[in-house]
Amino acid sequence: MIEIYCGNLHDTGDSLCIDCTHLSEYAEQRLIHCPFGGNKPTCAQCEVHCYSKDMRAQIRTVMKYAGPRMLLRHPIMTVRHYINEAMPREK
């Protein structure tokens, strides 16, 4: 999603700008240290909000922009994401 966002709005082509690289690395670190591991729910359903407030705002902006555009670029991944989001989370 960050690649779609940065490529379209920051006109960086195949690479990410410095700010988007930082956001991508931050997000990857959060995923690596996620207590749910491979069973991680979508962020909207997650009980643990592991992003700092400012980074959460940035990633929301990215998701709001790139989410609808994901359907064209990665249709299967997008459908899986929306299915996972719609399913109730096991506790």
PDB file of N, CA and C in Angstrom:
ATOM      1  N   MET A   1       0.817  -1.191   0.000  1.00  0.00           N
ATOM      2  CA  MET A   1       0.000   0.000   0.000  1.00  0.00           C
ATOM      3  C   MET A   1       0.868   1.265   0.000  1.00  0.00           C
ATOM      4  N   ILE A   2       1.963   1.191   0.730  1.00  0.00           N
ATOM      5  CA  ILE A   2       2.861   2.349   0.796  1.00  0.00           C
ATOM      6  C   ILE A   2       3.477   2.606  -0.577  1.00  0.00           C
ATOM      7  N   GLU A   3       3.788   1.542  -1.304  1.00  0.00           N
ATOM      8  CA  GLU A   3       4.349   1.706  -2.652  1.00  0.00           C
ATOM      9  C   GLU A   3       3.355   2.383  -3.588  1.00  0.00           C
ATOM     10  N   ILE A   4       2.092   2.007  -3.509  1.00  0.00           N
ATOM     11  CA  ILE A   4       1.058   2.636  -4.340  1.00  0.00           C
ATOM     12  C   ILE A   4       0.941   4.113  -3.981  1.00  0.00           C
ATOM     13  N   TYR A   5       0.837   4.390  -2.691  1.00  0.00           N
ATOM     14  CA  TYR A   5       0.693   5.753  -2.197  1.00  0.00           C
ATOM     15  C   TYR A   5       1.861   6.633  -2.625  1.00  0.00           C
ATOM     16  N   CYS A   6       3.071   6.180  -2.334  1.00  0.00           N
ATOM     17  CA  CYS A   6       4.263   6.979  -2.620  1.00  0.00           C
ATOM     18  C   CYS A   6       4.483   7.130  -4.127  1.00  0.00           C
ATOM     19  N   GLY A   7       4.330   6.031  -4.853  1.00  0.00           N
ATOM     20  CA  GLY A   7       4.537   6.077  -6.298  1.00  0.00           C
ATOM     21  C   GLY A   7       3.604   7.045  -6.998  1.00  0.00           C
ATOM     22  N   ASN A   8       2.347   7.092  -6.541  1.00  0.00           N
ATOM     23  CA  ASN A   8       1.361   7.974  -7.173  1.00  0.00           C
ATOM     24  C   ASN A   8       1.435   9.417  -6.693  1.00  0.00           C
ATOM     25  N   LEU A   9       1.589   9.610  -5.400  1.00  0.00           N
ATOM     26  CA  LEU A   9       1.531  10.972  -4.860  1.00  0.00           C
ATOM     27  C   LEU A   9       2.882  11.670  -4.762  1.00  0.00           C
ATOM     28  N   HIS A  10       3.934  10.905  -4.623  1.00  0.00           N
ATOM     29  CA  HIS A  10       5.265  11.507  -4.502  1.00  0.00           C
ATOM     30  C   HIS A  10       6.076  11.336  -5.780  1.00  0.00           C
ATOM     31  N   ASP A  11       5.463  10.728  -6.771  1.00  0.00           N
ATOM     32  CA  ASP A  11       6.061  10.558  -8.103  1.00  0.00           C
ATOM     33  C   ASP A  11       7.480   9.992  -8.027  1.00  0.00           C
ATOM     34  N   THR A  12       7.603   8.878  -7.279  1.00  0.00           N
ATOM     35  CA  THR A  12       8.920   8.291  -7.075  1.00  0.00           C
ATOM     36  C   THR A  12       9.168   7.061  -7.952  1.00  0.00           C
ATOM     37  N   GLY A  13       8.197   6.681  -8.742  1.00  0.00           N
ATOM     38  CA  GLY A  13       8.367   5.514  -9.606  1.00  0.00           C
ATOM     39  C   GLY A  13       8.407   4.235  -8.803  1.00  0.00           C
ATOM     40  N   ASP A  14       9.466   3.445  -8.954  1.00  0.00           N
ATOM     41  CA  ASP A  14       9.568   2.146  -8.292  1.00  0.00           C
ATOM     42  C   ASP A  14      10.177   2.214  -6.892  1.00  0.00           C
ATOM     43  N   SER A  15      10.695   3.363  -6.496  1.00  0.00           N
ATOM     44  CA  SER A  15      11.310   3.464  -5.175  1.00  0.00           C
ATOM     45  C   SER A  15      10.445   4.343  -4.267  1.00  0.00           C
ATOM     46  N   LEU A  16      10.726   4.282  -2.966  1.00  0.00           N
ATOM     47  CA  LEU A  16       9.989   5.080  -1.990  1.00  0.00           C
ATOM     48  C   LEU A  16      10.792   6.325  -1.614  1.00  0.00           C
ATOM     49  N   CYS A  17      10.080   7.399  -1.304  1.00  0.00           N
ATOM     50  CA  CYS A  17      10.746   8.596  -0.798  1.00  0.00           C
ATOM     51  C   CYS A  17      11.240   8.313   0.623  1.00  0.00           C
ATOM     52  N   ILE A  18      11.980   9.214   1.198  1.00  0.00           N
ATOM     53  CA  ILE A  18      12.554   9.021   2.528  1.00  0.00           C
ATOM     54  C   ILE A  18      11.472   8.831   3.586  1.00  0.00           C
ATOM     55  N   ASP A  19      10.436   9.674   3.561  1.00  0.00           N
ATOM     56  CA  ASP A  19       9.363   9.561   4.557  1.00  0.00           C
ATOM     57  C   ASP A  19       8.624   8.237   4.443  1.00  0.00           C
ATOM     58  N   CYS A  20       8.328   7.811   3.229  1.00  0.00           N
ATOM     59  CA  CYS A  20       7.613   6.558   3.033  1.00  0.00           C
ATOM     60  C   CYS A  20       8.491   5.353   3.344  1.00  0.00           C
ATOM     61  N   THR A  21       9.792   5.463   3.099  1.00  0.00           N
ATOM     62  CA  THR A  21      10.723   4.398   3.490  1.00  0.00           C
ATOM     63  C   THR A  21      10.720   4.237   5.001  1.00  0.00           C
ATOM     64  N   HIS A  22      10.742   5.357   5.711  1.00  0.00           N
ATOM     65  CA  HIS A  22      10.706   5.329   7.175  1.00  0.00           C
ATOM     66  C   HIS A  22       9.406   4.683   7.662  1.00  0.00           C
ATOM     67  N   LEU A  23       8.275   5.056   7.078  1.00  0.00           N
ATOM     68  CA  LEU A  23       6.983   4.489   7.451  1.00  0.00           C
ATOM     69  C   LEU A  23       6.949   2.990   7.170  1.00  0.00           C
ATOM     70  N   SER A  24       7.469   2.571   6.038  1.00  0.00           N
ATOM     71  CA  SER A  24       7.491   1.157   5.670  1.00  0.00           C
ATOM     72  C   SER A  24       8.360   0.347   6.642  1.00  0.00           C
ATOM     73  N   GLU A  25       9.519   0.866   6.986  1.00  0.00           N
ATOM     74  CA  GLU A  25      10.400   0.178   7.935  1.00  0.00           C
ATOM     75  C   GLU A  25       9.755   0.098   9.317  1.00  0.00           C
ATOM     76  N   TYR A  26       9.079   1.159   9.719  1.00  0.00           N
ATOM     77  CA  TYR A  26       8.381   1.177  11.007  1.00  0.00           C
ATOM     78  C   TYR A  26       7.283   0.109  11.020  1.00  0.00           C
ATOM     79  N   ALA A  27       6.500   0.060   9.960  1.00  0.00           N
ATOM     80  CA  ALA A  27       5.417  -0.913   9.874  1.00  0.00           C
ATOM     81  C   ALA A  27       5.959  -2.339   9.896  1.00  0.00           C
ATOM     82  N   GLU A  28       7.047  -2.571   9.200  1.00  0.00           N
ATOM     83  CA  GLU A  28       7.648  -3.902   9.175  1.00  0.00           C
ATOM     84  C   GLU A  28       8.132  -4.315  10.564  1.00  0.00           C
ATOM     85  N   GLN A  29       8.728  -3.392  11.293  1.00  0.00           N
ATOM     86  CA  GLN A  29       9.174  -3.691  12.656  1.00  0.00           C
ATOM     87  C   GLN A  29       7.991  -4.009  13.567  1.00  0.00           C
ATOM     88  N   ARG A  30       6.908  -3.294  13.398  1.00  0.00           N
ATOM     89  CA  ARG A  30       5.704  -3.559  14.196  1.00  0.00           C
ATOM     90  C   ARG A  30       5.180  -4.970  13.904  1.00  0.00           C
ATOM     91  N   LEU A  31       5.198  -5.370  12.628  1.00  0.00           N
ATOM     92  CA  LEU A  31       4.736  -6.712  12.263  1.00  0.00           C
ATOM     93  C   LEU A  31       5.652  -7.794  12.830  1.00  0.00           C
ATOM     94  N   ILE A  32       6.946  -7.556  12.784  1.00  0.00           N
ATOM     95  CA  ILE A  32       7.908  -8.528  13.313  1.00  0.00           C
ATOM     96  C   ILE A  32       7.679  -8.753  14.811  1.00  0.00           C
ATOM     97  N   HIS A  33       7.358  -7.704  15.524  1.00  0.00           N
ATOM     98  CA  HIS A  33       7.190  -7.789  16.971  1.00  0.00           C
ATOM     99  C   HIS A  33       5.736  -7.960  17.406  1.00  0.00           C
ATOM    100  N   CYS A  34       4.851  -8.249  16.479  1.00  0.00           N
ATOM    101  CA  CYS A  34       3.433  -8.406  16.800  1.00  0.00           C
ATOM    102  C   CYS A  34       3.225  -9.627  17.690  1.00  0.00           C
ATOM    103  N   PRO A  35       2.516  -9.462  18.809  1.00  0.00           N
ATOM    104  CA  PRO A  35       2.297 -10.603  19.710  1.00  0.00           C
ATOM    105  C   PRO A  35       1.394 -11.680  19.105  1.00  0.00           C
ATOM    106  N   PHE A  36       0.656 -11.360  18.051  1.00  0.00           N
ATOM    107  CA  PHE A  36      -0.250 -12.326  17.432  1.00  0.00           C
ATOM    108  C   PHE A  36       0.438 -13.163  16.358  1.00  0.00           C
ATOM    109  N   GLY A  37       1.631 -12.763  15.957  1.00  0.00           N
ATOM    110  CA  GLY A  37       2.376 -13.515  14.950  1.00  0.00           C
ATOM    111  C   GLY A  37       1.592 -13.670  13.658  1.00  0.00           C
ATOM    112  N   GLY A  38       1.522 -14.901  13.155  1.00  0.00           N
ATOM    113  CA  GLY A  38       0.825 -15.177  11.902  1.00  0.00           C
ATOM    114  C   GLY A  38      -0.681 -15.075  12.005  1.00  0.00           C
ATOM    115  N   ASN A  39      -1.218 -15.009  13.226  1.00  0.00           N
ATOM    116  CA  ASN A  39      -2.664 -14.889  13.423  1.00  0.00           C
ATOM    117  C   ASN A  39      -3.107 -13.446  13.611  1.00  0.00           C
ATOM    118  N   LYS A  40      -2.304 -12.517  13.153  1.00  0.00           N
ATOM    119  CA  LYS A  40      -2.607 -11.101  13.334  1.00  0.00           C
ATOM    120  C   LYS A  40      -3.887 -10.731  12.609  1.00  0.00           C
ATOM    121  N   PRO A  41      -4.816 -10.089  13.310  1.00  0.00           N
ATOM    122  CA  PRO A  41      -6.023  -9.604  12.647  1.00  0.00           C
ATOM    123  C   PRO A  41      -5.719  -8.319  11.877  1.00  0.00           C
ATOM    124  N   THR A  42      -6.686  -7.841  11.129  1.00  0.00           N
ATOM    125  CA  THR A  42      -6.496  -6.547  10.484  1.00  0.00           C
ATOM    126  C   THR A  42      -6.400  -5.489  11.584  1.00  0.00           C
ATOM    127  N   CYS A  43      -5.767  -4.391  11.286  1.00  0.00           N
ATOM    128  CA  CYS A  43      -5.558  -3.347  12.290  1.00  0.00           C
ATOM    129  C   CYS A  43      -6.883  -2.852  12.885  1.00  0.00           C
ATOM    130  N   ALA A  44      -7.921  -2.785  12.062  1.00  0.00           N
ATOM    131  CA  ALA A  44      -9.211  -2.300  12.542  1.00  0.00           C
ATOM    132  C   ALA A  44      -9.798  -3.216  13.620  1.00  0.00           C
ATOM    133  N   GLN A  45      -9.450  -4.507  13.581  1.00  0.00           N
ATOM    134  CA  GLN A  45      -9.981  -5.458  14.554  1.00  0.00           C
ATOM    135  C   GLN A  45      -9.015  -5.762  15.689  1.00  0.00           C
ATOM    136  N   CYS A  46      -7.831  -5.234  15.638  1.00  0.00           N
ATOM    137  CA  CYS A  46      -6.796  -5.587  16.608  1.00  0.00           C
ATOM    138  C   CYS A  46      -7.033  -4.909  17.954  1.00  0.00           C
ATOM    139  N   GLU A  47      -6.828  -5.671  19.022  1.00  0.00           N
ATOM    140  CA  GLU A  47      -6.963  -5.138  20.382  1.00  0.00           C
ATOM    141  C   GLU A  47      -5.747  -4.319  20.783  1.00  0.00           C
ATOM    142  N   VAL A  48      -4.601  -4.659  20.217  1.00  0.00           N
ATOM    143  CA  VAL A  48      -3.335  -4.012  20.560  1.00  0.00           C
ATOM    144  C   VAL A  48      -2.974  -3.038  19.442  1.00  0.00           C
ATOM    145  N   HIS A  49      -2.960  -1.763  19.758  1.00  0.00           N
ATOM    146  CA  HIS A  49      -2.574  -0.769  18.759  1.00  0.00           C
ATOM    147  C   HIS A  49      -1.098  -0.454  18.964  1.00  0.00           C
ATOM    148  N   CYS A  50      -0.282  -1.066  18.110  1.00  0.00           N
ATOM    149  CA  CYS A  50       1.167  -1.020  18.316  1.00  0.00           C
ATOM    150  C   CYS A  50       1.840   0.168  17.630  1.00  0.00           C
ATOM    151  N   TYR A  51       1.098   0.940  16.847  1.00  0.00           N
ATOM    152  CA  TYR A  51       1.682   2.104  16.187  1.00  0.00           C
ATOM    153  C   TYR A  51       1.569   3.308  17.114  1.00  0.00           C
ATOM    154  N   SER A  52       2.575   4.171  17.084  1.00  0.00           N
ATOM    155  CA  SER A  52       2.477   5.425  17.834  1.00  0.00           C
ATOM    156  C   SER A  52       1.392   6.277  17.175  1.00  0.00           C
ATOM    157  N   LYS A  53       0.925   7.257  17.892  1.00  0.00           N
ATOM    158  CA  LYS A  53      -0.208   8.058  17.419  1.00  0.00           C
ATOM    159  C   LYS A  53       0.079   8.725  16.065  1.00  0.00           C
ATOM    160  N   ASP A  54       1.250   9.310  15.900  1.00  0.00           N
ATOM    161  CA  ASP A  54       1.563  10.002  14.649  1.00  0.00           C
ATOM    162  C   ASP A  54       1.746   9.017  13.487  1.00  0.00           C
ATOM    163  N   MET A  55       2.361   7.859  13.773  1.00  0.00           N
ATOM    164  CA  MET A  55       2.537   6.859  12.716  1.00  0.00           C
ATOM    165  C   MET A  55       1.195   6.234  12.338  1.00  0.00           C
ATOM    166  N   ARG A  56       0.305   6.075  13.309  1.00  0.00           N
ATOM    167  CA  ARG A  56      -1.029   5.545  13.024  1.00  0.00           C
ATOM    168  C   ARG A  56      -1.772   6.491  12.084  1.00  0.00           C
ATOM    169  N   ALA A  57      -1.627   7.782  12.299  1.00  0.00           N
ATOM    170  CA  ALA A  57      -2.270   8.763  11.423  1.00  0.00           C
ATOM    171  C   ALA A  57      -1.699   8.682  10.011  1.00  0.00           C
ATOM    172  N   GLN A  58      -0.389   8.512   9.902  1.00  0.00           N
ATOM    173  CA  GLN A  58       0.236   8.401   8.577  1.00  0.00           C
ATOM    174  C   GLN A  58      -0.218   7.152   7.844  1.00  0.00           C
ATOM    175  N   ILE A  59      -0.261   6.025   8.545  1.00  0.00           N
ATOM    176  CA  ILE A  59      -0.635   4.773   7.885  1.00  0.00           C
ATOM    177  C   ILE A  59      -2.114   4.792   7.504  1.00  0.00           C
ATOM    178  N   ARG A  60      -2.947   5.470   8.288  1.00  0.00           N
ATOM    179  CA  ARG A  60      -4.365   5.611   7.920  1.00  0.00           C
ATOM    180  C   ARG A  60      -4.505   6.388   6.618  1.00  0.00           C
ATOM    181  N   THR A  61      -3.713   7.445   6.479  1.00  0.00           N
ATOM    182  CA  THR A  61      -3.735   8.234   5.248  1.00  0.00           C
ATOM    183  C   THR A  61      -3.331   7.371   4.060  1.00  0.00           C
ATOM    184  N   VAL A  62      -2.295   6.576   4.240  1.00  0.00           N
ATOM    185  CA  VAL A  62      -1.831   5.680   3.173  1.00  0.00           C
ATOM    186  C   VAL A  62      -2.925   4.675   2.828  1.00  0.00           C
ATOM    187  N   MET A  63      -3.517   4.046   3.846  1.00  0.00           N
ATOM    188  CA  MET A  63      -4.540   3.022   3.597  1.00  0.00           C
ATOM    189  C   MET A  63      -5.784   3.613   2.949  1.00  0.00           C
ATOM    190  N   LYS A  64      -6.152   4.802   3.368  1.00  0.00           N
ATOM    191  CA  LYS A  64      -7.334   5.449   2.792  1.00  0.00           C
ATOM    192  C   LYS A  64      -7.123   5.718   1.301  1.00  0.00           C
ATOM    193  N   TYR A  65      -5.921   6.109   0.928  1.00  0.00           N
ATOM    194  CA  TYR A  65      -5.618   6.380  -0.472  1.00  0.00           C
ATOM    195  C   TYR A  65      -5.425   5.085  -1.261  1.00  0.00           C
ATOM    196  N   ALA A  66      -4.591   4.195  -0.738  1.00  0.00           N
ATOM    197  CA  ALA A  66      -4.178   3.015  -1.500  1.00  0.00           C
ATOM    198  C   ALA A  66      -5.190   1.879  -1.462  1.00  0.00           C
ATOM    199  N   GLY A  67      -6.010   1.808  -0.433  1.00  0.00           N
ATOM    200  CA  GLY A  67      -6.971   0.718  -0.298  1.00  0.00           C
ATOM    201  C   GLY A  67      -7.829   0.489  -1.539  1.00  0.00           C
ATOM    202  N   PRO A  68      -8.521   1.508  -2.017  1.00  0.00           N
ATOM    203  CA  PRO A  68      -9.345   1.319  -3.209  1.00  0.00           C
ATOM    204  C   PRO A  68      -8.518   0.989  -4.462  1.00  0.00           C
ATOM    205  N   ARG A  69      -7.300   1.460  -4.510  1.00  0.00           N
ATOM    206  CA  ARG A  69      -6.438   1.220  -5.678  1.00  0.00           C
ATOM    207  C   ARG A  69      -5.798  -0.173  -5.644  1.00  0.00           C
ATOM    208  N   MET A  70      -5.796  -0.809  -4.479  1.00  0.00           N
ATOM    209  CA  MET A  70      -5.245  -2.162  -4.353  1.00  0.00           C
ATOM    210  C   MET A  70      -6.033  -3.163  -5.185  1.00  0.00           C
ATOM    211  N   LEU A  71      -7.320  -2.936  -5.311  1.00  0.00           N
ATOM    212  CA  LEU A  71      -8.166  -3.870  -6.052  1.00  0.00           C
ATOM    213  C   LEU A  71      -7.683  -4.050  -7.482  1.00  0.00           C
ATOM    214  N   LEU A  72      -7.189  -2.988  -8.101  1.00  0.00           N
ATOM    215  CA  LEU A  72      -6.694  -3.078  -9.467  1.00  0.00           C
ATOM    216  C   LEU A  72      -5.314  -3.723  -9.538  1.00  0.00           C
ATOM    217  N   ARG A  73      -4.491  -3.464  -8.553  1.00  0.00           N
ATOM    218  CA  ARG A  73      -3.110  -3.946  -8.586  1.00  0.00           C
ATOM    219  C   ARG A  73      -2.932  -5.348  -8.010  1.00  0.00           C
ATOM    220  N   HIS A  74      -3.636  -5.625  -6.922  1.00  0.00           N
ATOM    221  CA  HIS A  74      -3.527  -6.909  -6.229  1.00  0.00           C
ATOM    222  C   HIS A  74      -4.925  -7.393  -5.844  1.00  0.00           C
ATOM    223  N   PRO A  75      -5.727  -7.818  -6.818  1.00  0.00           N
ATOM    224  CA  PRO A  75      -7.126  -8.156  -6.518  1.00  0.00           C
ATOM    225  C   PRO A  75      -7.298  -9.294  -5.510  1.00  0.00           C
ATOM    226  N   ILE A  76      -6.502 -10.335  -5.602  1.00  0.00           N
ATOM    227  CA  ILE A  76      -6.663 -11.469  -4.679  1.00  0.00           C
ATOM    228  C   ILE A  76      -6.296 -11.054  -3.263  1.00  0.00           C
ATOM    229  N   MET A  77      -5.198 -10.320  -3.117  1.00  0.00           N
ATOM    230  CA  MET A  77      -4.777  -9.842  -1.808  1.00  0.00           C
ATOM    231  C   MET A  77      -5.845  -8.921  -1.197  1.00  0.00           C
ATOM    232  N   THR A  78      -6.448  -8.097  -2.016  1.00  0.00           N
ATOM    233  CA  THR A  78      -7.470  -7.170  -1.551  1.00  0.00           C
ATOM    234  C   THR A  78      -8.700  -7.917  -1.060  1.00  0.00           C
ATOM    235  N   VAL A  79      -9.145  -8.901  -1.832  1.00  0.00           N
ATOM    236  CA  VAL A  79     -10.320  -9.683  -1.435  1.00  0.00           C
ATOM    237  C   VAL A  79     -10.040 -10.420  -0.130  1.00  0.00           C
ATOM    238  N   ARG A  80      -8.869 -11.013   0.003  1.00  0.00           N
ATOM    239  CA  ARG A  80      -8.505 -11.699   1.253  1.00  0.00           C
ATOM    240  C   ARG A  80      -8.525 -10.741   2.435  1.00  0.00           C
ATOM    241  N   HIS A  81      -8.017  -9.542   2.229  1.00  0.00           N
ATOM    242  CA  HIS A  81      -7.994  -8.549   3.304  1.00  0.00           C
ATOM    243  C   HIS A  81      -9.413  -8.204   3.755  1.00  0.00           C
ATOM    244  N   TYR A  82     -10.302  -7.956   2.804  1.00  0.00           N
ATOM    245  CA  TYR A  82     -11.678  -7.596   3.164  1.00  0.00           C
ATOM    246  C   TYR A  82     -12.421  -8.767   3.797  1.00  0.00           C
ATOM    247  N   ILE A  83     -12.125  -9.994   3.387  1.00  0.00           N
ATOM    248  CA  ILE A  83     -12.729 -11.167   4.028  1.00  0.00           C
ATOM    249  C   ILE A  83     -12.244 -11.270   5.469  1.00  0.00           C
ATOM    250  N   ASN A  84     -10.942 -11.130   5.679  1.00  0.00           N
ATOM    251  CA  ASN A  84     -10.388 -11.184   7.037  1.00  0.00           C
ATOM    252  C   ASN A  84     -10.946 -10.081   7.916  1.00  0.00           C
ATOM    253  N   GLU A  85     -11.172  -8.923   7.340  1.00  0.00           N
ATOM    254  CA  GLU A  85     -11.711  -7.811   8.102  1.00  0.00           C
ATOM    255  C   GLU A  85     -13.163  -8.058   8.504  1.00  0.00           C
ATOM    256  N   ALA A  86     -13.911  -8.740   7.642  1.00  0.00           N
ATOM    257  CA  ALA A  86     -15.321  -8.986   7.895  1.00  0.00           C
ATOM    258  C   ALA A  86     -15.562 -10.130   8.886  1.00  0.00           C
ATOM    259  N   MET A  87     -14.603 -11.047   8.972  1.00  0.00           N
ATOM    260  CA  MET A  87     -14.768 -12.203   9.868  1.00  0.00           C
ATOM    261  C   MET A  87     -14.551 -11.795  11.321  1.00  0.00           C
ATOM    262  N   PRO A  88     -15.378 -12.332  12.210  1.00  0.00           N
ATOM    263  CA  PRO A  88     -15.158 -12.030  13.638  1.00  0.00           C
ATOM    264  C   PRO A  88     -13.862 -12.660  14.109  1.00  0.00           C
ATOM    265  N   ARG A  89     -13.193 -11.968  14.986  1.00  0.00           N
ATOM    266  CA  ARG A  89     -11.904 -12.435  15.501  1.00  0.00           C
ATOM    267  C   ARG A  89     -12.132 -13.389  16.654  1.00  0.00           C
ATOM    268  N   GLU A  90     -11.390 -14.518  16.648  1.00  0.00           N
ATOM    269  CA  GLU A  90     -11.447 -15.475  17.752  1.00  0.00           C
ATOM    270  C   GLU A  90     -10.676 -14.914  18.937  1.00  0.00           C
ATOM    271  N   LYS A  91     -11.200 -15.109  20.123  1.00  0.00           N
ATOM    272  CA  LYS A  91     -10.517 -14.606  21.321  1.00  0.00           C
ATOM    273  C   LYS A  91      -9.950 -15.717  22.129  1.00  0.00           C
TER     274      LYS A  91
END
